[in-house]
């Protein structure tokens, strides 16, 4: 398969290299290839979280790393890291990418640098190319075939009545989605994949990876996004991507062959970061601070902002995270303030 050749090319380096291992299929496939291409044990880094009721990937990653003969390095991200590192993360992201995954990615980069690594291979791209996201199953259902017109043009900030005025830009953004959805010659699944490859992948995942790793002088490489791998993936019929409720069918078959201990056909569990739990614990103090920030007060109603920091709903947690991240990002990239200290130091300055 093109994947083995891609990993061989991407691990070429005159400096020490390793890889990031989650509990998922994509990074396990990368490790399976690396373990066959390297005589020495591969350094594999996995992040886990303390506190909060979340799925911790470290146990499964430990099993996979042992089976592959890798040197497994476990990294913990805790509530104290959240408060301390978030301003630094907002500072290195020149675009306000409010993705939970920036948190563990930044600390993994920090840990890799401390281990003396300059290059790490990662599993980004597997979900988009081989149809791993759960939402891709919906693309084959009749209601989806109406395309972008079936989408509700409301952002999470709109739906919680946080904005002083409705978000017109969010609605305009759906016009770009319509272009991909209406492309002729593509199946509904391929259309949704095209949207993710054109928008989500370059404007979120790869920005996150590049900025959070290069902040520590570490280069992130993505063998699953090699052109040869992409050509194979895009040429696959839908039935080799989705089978029943399982995505990434062909990639799972490959992994089953080369690293059976990875349990390639287990149901995927979502990667979660307990940000909502952490924000709730600090909500009484963070809410008023965020509500009074210039970049937030200009667009949002302060009383509603303070309110969501005291609520424990899924949408409220996500909105609170977006506003907290944007407040810190706005301070650095719009107001030109430094990012010395933790979240409170920055918001109170």
C-alpha atoms as a PDB file:
ATOM      1  CA  UNK A   1       0.000   0.000   0.000  1.00  0.00           C
ATOM      2  CA  UNK A   2       1.087   3.587  -0.645  1.00  0.00           C
ATOM      3  CA  UNK A   3       1.056   4.198   3.122  1.00  0.00           C
ATOM      4  CA  UNK A   4       4.241   2.215   3.756  1.00  0.00           C
ATOM      5  CA  UNK A   5       6.095   4.152   1.048  1.00  0.00           C
ATOM      6  CA  UNK A   6       4.756   7.433   2.381  1.00  0.00           C
ATOM      7  CA  UNK A   7       5.902   6.716   5.937  1.00  0.00           C
ATOM      8  CA  UNK A   8       9.333   5.733   4.645  1.00  0.00           C
ATOM      9  CA  UNK A   9       9.629   9.084   2.856  1.00  0.00           C
ATOM     10  CA  UNK A  10       8.229  11.155   5.717  1.00  0.00           C
ATOM     11  CA  UNK A  11      10.562   9.693   8.330  1.00  0.00           C
ATOM     12  CA  UNK A  12      13.671  10.594   6.361  1.00  0.00           C
ATOM     13  CA  UNK A  13      15.548  13.046   8.541  1.00  0.00           C
ATOM     14  CA  UNK A  14      19.033  13.891   9.725  1.00  0.00           C
ATOM     15  CA  UNK A  15      17.614  14.645  13.174  1.00  0.00           C
ATOM     16  CA  UNK A  16      15.896  12.505  15.829  1.00  0.00           C
ATOM     17  CA  UNK A  17      12.258  11.692  15.050  1.00  0.00           C
ATOM     18  CA  UNK A  18       9.283   9.971  16.639  1.00  0.00           C
ATOM     19  CA  UNK A  19       5.497   9.965  16.363  1.00  0.00           C
ATOM     20  CA  UNK A  20       2.278  10.872  18.159  1.00  0.00           C
ATOM     21  CA  UNK A  21       0.100   7.897  19.071  1.00  0.00           C
ATOM     22  CA  UNK A  22      -3.557   8.285  20.015  1.00  0.00           C
ATOM     23  CA  UNK A  23      -6.025   5.503  20.638  1.00  0.00           C
ATOM     24  CA  UNK A  24      -7.259   5.674  17.054  1.00  0.00           C
ATOM     25  CA  UNK A  25      -6.739   3.886  13.757  1.00  0.00           C
ATOM     26  CA  UNK A  26      -4.746   6.560  11.918  1.00  0.00           C
ATOM     27  CA  UNK A  27      -1.792   6.954  14.260  1.00  0.00           C
ATOM     28  CA  UNK A  28      -1.739   3.197  14.916  1.00  0.00           C
ATOM     29  CA  UNK A  29      -1.356   2.655  11.159  1.00  0.00           C
ATOM     30  CA  UNK A  30       1.526   5.143  11.062  1.00  0.00           C
ATOM     31  CA  UNK A  31       3.217   3.369  13.980  1.00  0.00           C
ATOM     32  CA  UNK A  32       2.671  -0.036  12.355  1.00  0.00           C
ATOM     33  CA  UNK A  33       4.523   1.189   9.275  1.00  0.00           C
ATOM     34  CA  UNK A  34       7.288   2.876  11.279  1.00  0.00           C
ATOM     35  CA  UNK A  35       7.879  -0.229  13.389  1.00  0.00           C
ATOM     36  CA  UNK A  36       8.509  -2.230  10.211  1.00  0.00           C
ATOM     37  CA  UNK A  37      10.793   0.407   8.721  1.00  0.00           C
ATOM     38  CA  UNK A  38      12.993   1.068  11.779  1.00  0.00           C
ATOM     39  CA  UNK A  39      15.413  -1.271  13.506  1.00  0.00           C
ATOM     40  CA  UNK A  40      15.331   0.708  16.745  1.00  0.00           C
ATOM     41  CA  UNK A  41      12.184   1.245  18.826  1.00  0.00           C
ATOM     42  CA  UNK A  42      10.144   4.226  17.684  1.00  0.00           C
ATOM     43  CA  UNK A  43       9.451   6.928  20.280  1.00  0.00           C
ATOM     44  CA  UNK A  44       5.659   7.194  20.497  1.00  0.00           C
ATOM     45  CA  UNK A  45       3.994   9.962  22.544  1.00  0.00           C
ATOM     46  CA  UNK A  46       0.450   9.715  23.913  1.00  0.00           C
ATOM     47  CA  UNK A  47      -1.468  12.357  25.855  1.00  0.00           C
ATOM     48  CA  UNK A  48      -4.023  11.723  28.574  1.00  0.00           C
ATOM     49  CA  UNK A  49      -6.103  13.893  30.884  1.00  0.00           C
ATOM     50  CA  UNK A  50      -6.517  14.001  34.623  1.00  0.00           C
ATOM     51  CA  UNK A  51      -9.879  14.924  36.065  1.00  0.00           C
ATOM     52  CA  UNK A  52     -13.203  15.017  34.298  1.00  0.00           C
ATOM     53  CA  UNK A  53     -15.287  12.161  32.990  1.00  0.00           C
ATOM     54  CA  UNK A  54     -13.508  11.639  29.671  1.00  0.00           C
ATOM     55  CA  UNK A  55     -12.232   8.753  27.617  1.00  0.00           C
ATOM     56  CA  UNK A  56      -8.486   8.381  28.272  1.00  0.00           C
ATOM     57  CA  UNK A  57      -6.627   6.926  25.302  1.00  0.00           C
ATOM     58  CA  UNK A  58      -3.473   6.000  27.165  1.00  0.00           C
ATOM     59  CA  UNK A  59      -4.391   2.411  28.001  1.00  0.00           C
ATOM     60  CA  UNK A  60      -5.159   1.384  24.430  1.00  0.00           C
ATOM     61  CA  UNK A  61      -2.158   3.322  23.114  1.00  0.00           C
ATOM     62  CA  UNK A  62       0.017   1.486  25.635  1.00  0.00           C
ATOM     63  CA  UNK A  63      -1.171  -1.865  24.256  1.00  0.00           C
ATOM     64  CA  UNK A  64      -0.532  -0.770  20.666  1.00  0.00           C
ATOM     65  CA  UNK A  65       2.902   0.649  21.460  1.00  0.00           C
ATOM     66  CA  UNK A  66       3.941  -2.544  23.248  1.00  0.00           C
ATOM     67  CA  UNK A  67       2.796  -4.677  20.313  1.00  0.00           C
ATOM     68  CA  UNK A  68       4.766  -2.485  17.907  1.00  0.00           C
ATOM     69  CA  UNK A  69       7.881  -2.577  20.081  1.00  0.00           C
ATOM     70  CA  UNK A  70       7.796   1.198  20.509  1.00  0.00           C
ATOM     71  CA  UNK A  71       9.223   3.267  23.339  1.00  0.00           C
ATOM     72  CA  UNK A  72       6.008   4.673  24.766  1.00  0.00           C
ATOM     73  CA  UNK A  73       6.072   8.085  26.437  1.00  0.00           C
ATOM     74  CA  UNK A  74       2.886   9.160  28.214  1.00  0.00           C
ATOM     75  CA  UNK A  75       2.138  12.852  28.688  1.00  0.00           C
ATOM     76  CA  UNK A  76      -0.535  14.150  31.047  1.00  0.00           C
ATOM     77  CA  UNK A  77      -2.487  17.347  30.475  1.00  0.00           C
ATOM     78  CA  UNK A  78      -4.197  18.616  33.613  1.00  0.00           C
ATOM     79  CA  UNK A  79      -6.328  21.550  34.720  1.00  0.00           C
ATOM     80  CA  UNK A  80      -3.249  23.477  35.821  1.00  0.00           C
ATOM     81  CA  UNK A  81      -1.808  23.092  32.311  1.00  0.00           C
ATOM     82  CA  UNK A  82      -5.033  24.511  30.895  1.00  0.00           C
ATOM     83  CA  UNK A  83      -4.780  27.665  33.001  1.00  0.00           C
ATOM     84  CA  UNK A  84      -1.038  28.049  32.457  1.00  0.00           C
ATOM     85  CA  UNK A  85      -0.615  27.143  28.785  1.00  0.00           C
ATOM     86  CA  UNK A  86      -3.736  28.543  27.121  1.00  0.00           C
ATOM     87  CA  UNK A  87      -2.334  32.100  26.693  1.00  0.00           C
ATOM     88  CA  UNK A  88       0.813  30.673  25.093  1.00  0.00           C
ATOM     89  CA  UNK A  89      -1.275  28.575  22.710  1.00  0.00           C
ATOM     90  CA  UNK A  90      -3.435  31.552  21.731  1.00  0.00           C
ATOM     91  CA  UNK A  91      -0.252  33.521  21.079  1.00  0.00           C
ATOM     92  CA  UNK A  92       1.260  31.006  18.639  1.00  0.00           C
ATOM     93  CA  UNK A  93      -1.960  30.649  16.622  1.00  0.00           C
ATOM     94  CA  UNK A  94      -2.117  33.593  14.233  1.00  0.00           C
ATOM     95  CA  UNK A  95      -5.620  32.432  13.280  1.00  0.00           C
ATOM     96  CA  UNK A  96      -8.110  32.031  16.167  1.00  0.00           C
ATOM     97  CA  UNK A  97      -8.449  28.250  15.847  1.00  0.00           C
ATOM     98  CA  UNK A  98     -10.517  27.452  18.933  1.00  0.00           C
ATOM     99  CA  UNK A  99     -10.023  23.696  18.688  1.00  0.00           C
ATOM    100  CA  UNK A 100      -9.792  21.711  21.933  1.00  0.00           C
ATOM    101  CA  UNK A 101      -7.049  19.613  20.351  1.00  0.00           C
ATOM    102  CA  UNK A 102      -4.651  22.569  20.355  1.00  0.00           C
ATOM    103  CA  UNK A 103      -4.183  21.954  24.084  1.00  0.00           C
ATOM    104  CA  UNK A 104      -2.759  18.408  23.983  1.00  0.00           C
ATOM    105  CA  UNK A 105      -0.957  19.080  20.686  1.00  0.00           C
ATOM    106  CA  UNK A 106       0.969  21.965  22.245  1.00  0.00           C
ATOM    107  CA  UNK A 107       2.022  19.899  25.242  1.00  0.00           C
ATOM    108  CA  UNK A 108       2.952  16.919  23.069  1.00  0.00           C
ATOM    109  CA  UNK A 109       5.199  19.231  21.063  1.00  0.00           C
ATOM    110  CA  UNK A 110       6.738  20.486  24.293  1.00  0.00           C
ATOM    111  CA  UNK A 111       7.379  16.921  25.457  1.00  0.00           C
ATOM    112  CA  UNK A 112       8.837  15.838  22.110  1.00  0.00           C
ATOM    113  CA  UNK A 113      11.249  18.774  22.180  1.00  0.00           C
ATOM    114  CA  UNK A 114      12.347  17.875  25.711  1.00  0.00           C
ATOM    115  CA  UNK A 115      13.117  14.367  24.439  1.00  0.00           C
ATOM    116  CA  UNK A 116      15.378  15.898  21.806  1.00  0.00           C
ATOM    117  CA  UNK A 117      13.127  15.242  18.809  1.00  0.00           C
ATOM    118  CA  UNK A 118      12.926  17.587  15.841  1.00  0.00           C
ATOM    119  CA  UNK A 119      10.419  15.660  13.697  1.00  0.00           C
ATOM    120  CA  UNK A 120       7.243  13.755  14.577  1.00  0.00           C
ATOM    121  CA  UNK A 121       4.899  11.810  12.319  1.00  0.00           C
ATOM    122  CA  UNK A 122       1.181  12.232  12.995  1.00  0.00           C
ATOM    123  CA  UNK A 123      -2.068  10.633  11.863  1.00  0.00           C
ATOM    124  CA  UNK A 124      -3.848  13.766  10.630  1.00  0.00           C
ATOM    125  CA  UNK A 125      -5.802  13.267   7.421  1.00  0.00           C
ATOM    126  CA  UNK A 126      -6.995   9.718   7.952  1.00  0.00           C
ATOM    127  CA  UNK A 127     -10.532  10.710   8.895  1.00  0.00           C
ATOM    128  CA  UNK A 128     -10.934  13.049   5.930  1.00  0.00           C
ATOM    129  CA  UNK A 129      -9.419  10.772   3.269  1.00  0.00           C
ATOM    130  CA  UNK A 130     -10.789   7.427   4.435  1.00  0.00           C
ATOM    131  CA  UNK A 131     -14.149   8.632   5.842  1.00  0.00           C
ATOM    132  CA  UNK A 132     -13.625   8.197   9.560  1.00  0.00           C
ATOM    133  CA  UNK A 133     -15.963  10.815  10.999  1.00  0.00           C
ATOM    134  CA  UNK A 134     -19.340   9.662  12.251  1.00  0.00           C
ATOM    135  CA  UNK A 135     -21.042  12.451  10.331  1.00  0.00           C
ATOM    136  CA  UNK A 136     -19.985  10.827   7.057  1.00  0.00           C
ATOM    137  CA  UNK A 137     -22.564   8.115   7.641  1.00  0.00           C
ATOM    138  CA  UNK A 138     -25.233  10.792   7.427  1.00  0.00           C
ATOM    139  CA  UNK A 139     -24.039  11.758   3.954  1.00  0.00           C
ATOM    140  CA  UNK A 140     -25.544   8.579   2.526  1.00  0.00           C
ATOM    141  CA  UNK A 141     -28.976   9.192   4.048  1.00  0.00           C
ATOM    142  CA  UNK A 142     -31.798  10.659   1.923  1.00  0.00           C
ATOM    143  CA  UNK A 143     -32.281  13.837   3.981  1.00  0.00           C
ATOM    144  CA  UNK A 144     -28.665  14.890   3.351  1.00  0.00           C
ATOM    145  CA  UNK A 145     -28.993  14.815  -0.435  1.00  0.00           C
ATOM    146  CA  UNK A 146     -30.653  18.204  -0.417  1.00  0.00           C
ATOM    147  CA  UNK A 147     -27.200  19.565   0.290  1.00  0.00           C
ATOM    148  CA  UNK A 148     -26.288  22.727   2.138  1.00  0.00           C
ATOM    149  CA  UNK A 149     -29.848  24.065   2.022  1.00  0.00           C
ATOM    150  CA  UNK A 150     -30.780  21.522   4.678  1.00  0.00           C
ATOM    151  CA  UNK A 151     -28.258  22.990   7.119  1.00  0.00           C
ATOM    152  CA  UNK A 152     -29.340  25.360   9.865  1.00  0.00           C
ATOM    153  CA  UNK A 153     -27.445  28.583   9.293  1.00  0.00           C
ATOM    154  CA  UNK A 154     -26.833  29.292  12.956  1.00  0.00           C
ATOM    155  CA  UNK A 155     -23.578  29.361  14.850  1.00  0.00           C
ATOM    156  CA  UNK A 156     -23.334  28.264  18.479  1.00  0.00           C
ATOM    157  CA  UNK A 157     -23.061  31.931  19.524  1.00  0.00           C
ATOM    158  CA  UNK A 158     -26.231  32.759  17.577  1.00  0.00           C
ATOM    159  CA  UNK A 159     -28.169  29.876  19.074  1.00  0.00           C
ATOM    160  CA  UNK A 160     -27.319  30.933  22.640  1.00  0.00           C
ATOM    161  CA  UNK A 161     -28.312  34.578  21.978  1.00  0.00           C
ATOM    162  CA  UNK A 162     -24.860  35.844  22.855  1.00  0.00           C
ATOM    163  CA  UNK A 163     -24.370  38.178  19.898  1.00  0.00           C
ATOM    164  CA  UNK A 164     -25.511  41.780  19.823  1.00  0.00           C
ATOM    165  CA  UNK A 165     -26.408  41.300  16.133  1.00  0.00           C
ATOM    166  CA  UNK A 166     -27.034  38.098  14.109  1.00  0.00           C
ATOM    167  CA  UNK A 167     -23.952  36.588  12.507  1.00  0.00           C
ATOM    168  CA  UNK A 168     -24.376  37.265   8.786  1.00  0.00           C
ATOM    169  CA  UNK A 169     -20.891  36.006   7.931  1.00  0.00           C
ATOM    170  CA  UNK A 170     -21.835  32.539   9.176  1.00  0.00           C
ATOM    171  CA  UNK A 171     -24.716  32.444   6.705  1.00  0.00           C
ATOM    172  CA  UNK A 172     -22.561  33.721   3.850  1.00  0.00           C
ATOM    173  CA  UNK A 173     -20.084  30.953   4.581  1.00  0.00           C
ATOM    174  CA  UNK A 174     -22.667  28.377   3.580  1.00  0.00           C
ATOM    175  CA  UNK A 175     -22.432  29.619  -0.011  1.00  0.00           C
ATOM    176  CA  UNK A 176     -18.928  28.169  -0.210  1.00  0.00           C
ATOM    177  CA  UNK A 177     -20.234  24.862   1.102  1.00  0.00           C
ATOM    178  CA  UNK A 178     -22.880  24.833  -1.613  1.00  0.00           C
ATOM    179  CA  UNK A 179     -20.128  24.813  -4.254  1.00  0.00           C
ATOM    180  CA  UNK A 180     -18.824  21.452  -3.053  1.00  0.00           C
ATOM    181  CA  UNK A 181     -22.212  19.956  -2.290  1.00  0.00           C
ATOM    182  CA  UNK A 182     -23.456  20.701  -5.811  1.00  0.00           C
ATOM    183  CA  UNK A 183     -20.395  19.278  -7.617  1.00  0.00           C
ATOM    184  CA  UNK A 184     -21.444  16.832 -10.304  1.00  0.00           C
ATOM    185  CA  UNK A 185     -19.910  13.390 -10.556  1.00  0.00           C
ATOM    186  CA  UNK A 186     -19.354  12.971  -6.812  1.00  0.00           C
ATOM    187  CA  UNK A 187     -21.273  10.753  -4.441  1.00  0.00           C
ATOM    188  CA  UNK A 188     -22.828  12.431  -1.381  1.00  0.00           C
ATOM    189  CA  UNK A 189     -20.021  10.962   0.749  1.00  0.00           C
ATOM    190  CA  UNK A 190     -17.338  12.326  -1.579  1.00  0.00           C
ATOM    191  CA  UNK A 191     -18.934  15.761  -1.477  1.00  0.00           C
ATOM    192  CA  UNK A 192     -18.751  15.934   2.304  1.00  0.00           C
ATOM    193  CA  UNK A 193     -15.157  14.698   2.202  1.00  0.00           C
ATOM    194  CA  UNK A 194     -14.369  17.396  -0.365  1.00  0.00           C
ATOM    195  CA  UNK A 195     -15.698  20.063   1.996  1.00  0.00           C
ATOM    196  CA  UNK A 196     -13.549  18.796   4.865  1.00  0.00           C
ATOM    197  CA  UNK A 197     -10.418  18.482   2.714  1.00  0.00           C
ATOM    198  CA  UNK A 198     -10.856  22.006   1.345  1.00  0.00           C
ATOM    199  CA  UNK A 199     -11.894  23.739   4.570  1.00  0.00           C
ATOM    200  CA  UNK A 200     -11.551  21.835   7.848  1.00  0.00           C
ATOM    201  CA  UNK A 201      -8.248  20.119   7.114  1.00  0.00           C
ATOM    202  CA  UNK A 202      -6.120  23.119   6.033  1.00  0.00           C
ATOM    203  CA  UNK A 203      -7.869  25.766   8.129  1.00  0.00           C
ATOM    204  CA  UNK A 204      -7.997  23.888  11.430  1.00  0.00           C
ATOM    205  CA  UNK A 205      -6.139  20.590  11.757  1.00  0.00           C
ATOM    206  CA  UNK A 206      -2.978  21.501   9.867  1.00  0.00           C
ATOM    207  CA  UNK A 207      -2.767  25.020  11.308  1.00  0.00           C
ATOM    208  CA  UNK A 208      -3.100  23.543  14.794  1.00  0.00           C
ATOM    209  CA  UNK A 209      -0.405  20.962  14.124  1.00  0.00           C
ATOM    210  CA  UNK A 210       2.072  23.348  12.526  1.00  0.00           C
ATOM    211  CA  UNK A 211       1.788  26.225  14.999  1.00  0.00           C
ATOM    212  CA  UNK A 212       1.628  24.145  18.183  1.00  0.00           C
ATOM    213  CA  UNK A 213       4.658  22.041  17.227  1.00  0.00           C
ATOM    214  CA  UNK A 214       6.825  24.725  15.632  1.00  0.00           C
ATOM    215  CA  UNK A 215       6.424  26.753  18.835  1.00  0.00           C
ATOM    216  CA  UNK A 216       8.819  24.152  20.266  1.00  0.00           C
ATOM    217  CA  UNK A 217      10.999  23.744  17.185  1.00  0.00           C
ATOM    218  CA  UNK A 218       9.367  20.446  16.202  1.00  0.00           C
ATOM    219  CA  UNK A 219       8.194  19.666  12.669  1.00  0.00           C
ATOM    220  CA  UNK A 220       4.966  17.717  12.280  1.00  0.00           C
ATOM    221  CA  UNK A 221       4.715  15.446   9.244  1.00  0.00           C
ATOM    222  CA  UNK A 222       1.539  13.818   7.942  1.00  0.00           C
ATOM    223  CA  UNK A 223       2.181  10.666   5.867  1.00  0.00           C
ATOM    224  CA  UNK A 224      -1.541   9.997   5.425  1.00  0.00           C
ATOM    225  CA  UNK A 225      -1.761  13.236   3.437  1.00  0.00           C
ATOM    226  CA  UNK A 226       0.972  12.294   0.982  1.00  0.00           C
ATOM    227  CA  UNK A 227      -0.243  12.753  -2.582  1.00  0.00           C
ATOM    228  CA  UNK A 228       0.169   9.044  -3.370  1.00  0.00           C
ATOM    229  CA  UNK A 229      -1.977   8.071  -0.369  1.00  0.00           C
ATOM    230  CA  UNK A 230      -4.546  10.749  -1.218  1.00  0.00           C
ATOM    231  CA  UNK A 231      -4.826   9.495  -4.801  1.00  0.00           C
ATOM    232  CA  UNK A 232      -5.554   5.983  -3.555  1.00  0.00           C
ATOM    233  CA  UNK A 233      -8.090   7.243  -1.016  1.00  0.00           C
ATOM    234  CA  UNK A 234      -9.954   9.512  -3.433  1.00  0.00           C
ATOM    235  CA  UNK A 235     -10.227   6.705  -5.987  1.00  0.00           C
ATOM    236  CA  UNK A 236     -11.835   4.288  -3.528  1.00  0.00           C
ATOM    237  CA  UNK A 237     -15.500   3.429  -3.950  1.00  0.00           C
ATOM    238  CA  UNK A 238     -17.684   4.362  -0.999  1.00  0.00           C
ATOM    239  CA  UNK A 239     -18.062   0.735   0.101  1.00  0.00           C
ATOM    240  CA  UNK A 240     -14.313   0.515   0.797  1.00  0.00           C
ATOM    241  CA  UNK A 241     -14.601   3.509   3.104  1.00  0.00           C
ATOM    242  CA  UNK A 242     -17.909   2.891   4.873  1.00  0.00           C
ATOM    243  CA  UNK A 243     -19.298  -0.506   5.875  1.00  0.00           C
ATOM    244  CA  UNK A 244     -22.366  -0.272   8.045  1.00  0.00           C
ATOM    245  CA  UNK A 245     -21.461   1.962  10.980  1.00  0.00           C
ATOM    246  CA  UNK A 246     -17.699   1.659  10.488  1.00  0.00           C
ATOM    247  CA  UNK A 247     -15.648   4.131   8.501  1.00  0.00           C
ATOM    248  CA  UNK A 248     -12.070   3.766   7.205  1.00  0.00           C
ATOM    249  CA  UNK A 249     -12.786   0.189   6.130  1.00  0.00           C
ATOM    250  CA  UNK A 250      -9.744  -0.273   3.893  1.00  0.00           C
ATOM    251  CA  UNK A 251      -7.393   1.381   6.396  1.00  0.00           C
ATOM    252  CA  UNK A 252      -8.751  -0.909   9.118  1.00  0.00           C
ATOM    253  CA  UNK A 253      -8.101  -3.959   6.942  1.00  0.00           C
ATOM    254  CA  UNK A 254      -4.534  -2.791   6.381  1.00  0.00           C
ATOM    255  CA  UNK A 255      -3.978  -2.246  10.104  1.00  0.00           C
ATOM    256  CA  UNK A 256      -5.522  -5.611  10.954  1.00  0.00           C
ATOM    257  CA  UNK A 257      -2.890  -7.229   8.743  1.00  0.00           C
ATOM    258  CA  UNK A 258       0.156  -5.339  10.001  1.00  0.00           C
ATOM    259  CA  UNK A 259      -0.724  -4.722  13.661  1.00  0.00           C
ATOM    260  CA  UNK A 260      -3.637  -6.941  14.755  1.00  0.00           C
ATOM    261  CA  UNK A 261      -3.222  -5.973  18.419  1.00  0.00           C
ATOM    262  CA  UNK A 262      -4.530  -2.507  17.518  1.00  0.00           C
ATOM    263  CA  UNK A 263      -8.035  -3.984  17.354  1.00  0.00           C
ATOM    264  CA  UNK A 264      -8.706  -2.185  14.099  1.00  0.00           C
ATOM    265  CA  UNK A 265     -12.418  -2.983  13.930  1.00  0.00           C
ATOM    266  CA  UNK A 266     -13.357  -1.687  17.360  1.00  0.00           C
ATOM    267  CA  UNK A 267     -15.852   1.170  17.395  1.00  0.00           C
ATOM    268  CA  UNK A 268     -14.182   4.558  17.487  1.00  0.00           C
ATOM    269  CA  UNK A 269     -14.503   6.587  20.677  1.00  0.00           C
ATOM    270  CA  UNK A 270     -14.303  10.328  20.246  1.00  0.00           C
ATOM    271  CA  UNK A 271     -11.184  12.176  21.359  1.00  0.00           C
ATOM    272  CA  UNK A 272     -12.311  14.428  24.198  1.00  0.00           C
ATOM    273  CA  UNK A 273     -10.648  17.097  26.308  1.00  0.00           C
ATOM    274  CA  UNK A 274     -12.415  18.001  29.601  1.00  0.00           C
ATOM    275  CA  UNK A 275     -12.396  21.726  28.829  1.00  0.00           C
ATOM    276  CA  UNK A 276     -16.010  22.161  29.925  1.00  0.00           C
ATOM    277  CA  UNK A 277     -15.248  20.724  33.361  1.00  0.00           C
ATOM    278  CA  UNK A 278     -12.221  22.975  33.794  1.00  0.00           C
ATOM    279  CA  UNK A 279     -14.035  26.118  32.675  1.00  0.00           C
ATOM    280  CA  UNK A 280     -16.977  25.367  34.980  1.00  0.00           C
ATOM    281  CA  UNK A 281     -14.665  25.173  37.982  1.00  0.00           C
ATOM    282  CA  UNK A 282     -13.394  28.663  37.176  1.00  0.00           C
ATOM    283  CA  UNK A 283     -16.645  30.016  35.733  1.00  0.00           C
ATOM    284  CA  UNK A 284     -17.534  32.443  38.523  1.00  0.00           C
ATOM    285  CA  UNK A 285     -14.245  34.269  38.020  1.00  0.00           C
ATOM    286  CA  UNK A 286     -13.672  33.733  34.308  1.00  0.00           C
ATOM    287  CA  UNK A 287     -17.164  34.824  33.198  1.00  0.00           C
ATOM    288  CA  UNK A 288     -16.918  38.485  34.274  1.00  0.00           C
ATOM    289  CA  UNK A 289     -13.312  38.717  33.062  1.00  0.00           C
ATOM    290  CA  UNK A 290     -14.117  37.395  29.597  1.00  0.00           C
ATOM    291  CA  UNK A 291     -17.317  39.464  29.323  1.00  0.00           C
ATOM    292  CA  UNK A 292     -15.345  42.677  29.893  1.00  0.00           C
ATOM    293  CA  UNK A 293     -12.619  41.969  27.315  1.00  0.00           C
ATOM    294  CA  UNK A 294     -12.623  44.455  24.384  1.00  0.00           C
ATOM    295  CA  UNK A 295     -12.836  41.788  21.700  1.00  0.00           C
ATOM    296  CA  UNK A 296     -15.804  40.123  23.396  1.00  0.00           C
ATOM    297  CA  UNK A 297     -17.783  43.075  24.779  1.00  0.00           C
ATOM    298  CA  UNK A 298     -17.892  44.640  21.312  1.00  0.00           C
ATOM    299  CA  UNK A 299     -19.852  41.727  19.857  1.00  0.00           C
ATOM    300  CA  UNK A 300     -21.548  39.942  22.751  1.00  0.00           C
ATOM    301  CA  UNK A 301     -23.978  40.857  25.499  1.00  0.00           C
ATOM    302  CA  UNK A 302     -21.957  40.816  28.764  1.00  0.00           C
ATOM    303  CA  UNK A 303     -24.748  39.419  30.934  1.00  0.00           C
ATOM    304  CA  UNK A 304     -25.204  36.452  28.577  1.00  0.00           C
ATOM    305  CA  UNK A 305     -21.462  35.822  28.500  1.00  0.00           C
ATOM    306  CA  UNK A 306     -21.277  35.759  32.287  1.00  0.00           C
ATOM    307  CA  UNK A 307     -24.269  33.434  32.356  1.00  0.00           C
ATOM    308  CA  UNK A 308     -22.863  30.723  30.076  1.00  0.00           C
ATOM    309  CA  UNK A 309     -19.732  30.417  32.205  1.00  0.00           C
ATOM    310  CA  UNK A 310     -21.991  29.297  35.048  1.00  0.00           C
ATOM    311  CA  UNK A 311     -23.900  26.687  33.019  1.00  0.00           C
ATOM    312  CA  UNK A 312     -22.908  23.102  32.347  1.00  0.00           C
ATOM    313  CA  UNK A 313     -24.565  22.348  29.013  1.00  0.00           C
ATOM    314  CA  UNK A 314     -22.680  21.066  25.986  1.00  0.00           C
ATOM    315  CA  UNK A 315     -23.369  24.164  23.886  1.00  0.00           C
ATOM    316  CA  UNK A 316     -22.712  26.526  26.788  1.00  0.00           C
ATOM    317  CA  UNK A 317     -19.368  24.859  27.521  1.00  0.00           C
ATOM    318  CA  UNK A 318     -18.333  25.129  23.888  1.00  0.00           C
ATOM    319  CA  UNK A 319     -19.399  28.776  23.639  1.00  0.00           C
ATOM    320  CA  UNK A 320     -17.511  29.598  26.855  1.00  0.00           C
ATOM    321  CA  UNK A 321     -14.399  27.930  25.435  1.00  0.00           C
ATOM    322  CA  UNK A 322     -14.664  29.881  22.158  1.00  0.00           C
ATOM    323  CA  UNK A 323     -15.051  33.204  23.959  1.00  0.00           C
ATOM    324  CA  UNK A 324     -12.234  32.508  26.421  1.00  0.00           C
ATOM    325  CA  UNK A 325      -9.873  31.515  23.633  1.00  0.00           C
ATOM    326  CA  UNK A 326     -10.854  34.489  21.486  1.00  0.00           C
ATOM    327  CA  UNK A 327     -10.412  36.934  24.384  1.00  0.00           C
ATOM    328  CA  UNK A 328      -6.832  35.722  24.880  1.00  0.00           C
ATOM    329  CA  UNK A 329      -6.140  35.632  21.132  1.00  0.00           C
ATOM    330  CA  UNK A 330      -7.530  39.169  20.695  1.00  0.00           C
ATOM    331  CA  UNK A 331      -5.240  40.520  23.397  1.00  0.00           C
ATOM    332  CA  UNK A 332      -2.117  39.288  21.615  1.00  0.00           C
ATOM    333  CA  UNK A 333      -2.946  39.552  17.921  1.00  0.00           C
ATOM    334  CA  UNK A 334      -5.251  42.596  17.857  1.00  0.00           C
ATOM    335  CA  UNK A 335      -4.291  44.676  20.885  1.00  0.00           C
ATOM    336  CA  UNK A 336      -0.617  43.707  20.743  1.00  0.00           C
ATOM    337  CA  UNK A 337      -0.344  42.731  24.408  1.00  0.00           C
ATOM    338  CA  UNK A 338       2.162  40.165  25.597  1.00  0.00           C
ATOM    339  CA  UNK A 339       1.111  36.785  26.958  1.00  0.00           C
ATOM    340  CA  UNK A 340       3.117  36.681  30.166  1.00  0.00           C
ATOM    341  CA  UNK A 341       1.567  34.606  32.902  1.00  0.00           C
ATOM    342  CA  UNK A 342      -1.490  32.390  33.052  1.00  0.00           C
ATOM    343  CA  UNK A 343      -5.087  32.932  31.939  1.00  0.00           C
ATOM    344  CA  UNK A 344      -5.891  35.172  34.891  1.00  0.00           C
ATOM    345  CA  UNK A 345      -2.727  37.255  34.529  1.00  0.00           C
ATOM    346  CA  UNK A 346      -3.643  37.961  30.910  1.00  0.00           C
ATOM    347  CA  UNK A 347      -7.330  38.707  31.418  1.00  0.00           C
ATOM    348  CA  UNK A 348      -6.740  40.909  34.454  1.00  0.00           C
ATOM    349  CA  UNK A 349      -3.955  42.966  32.857  1.00  0.00           C
END
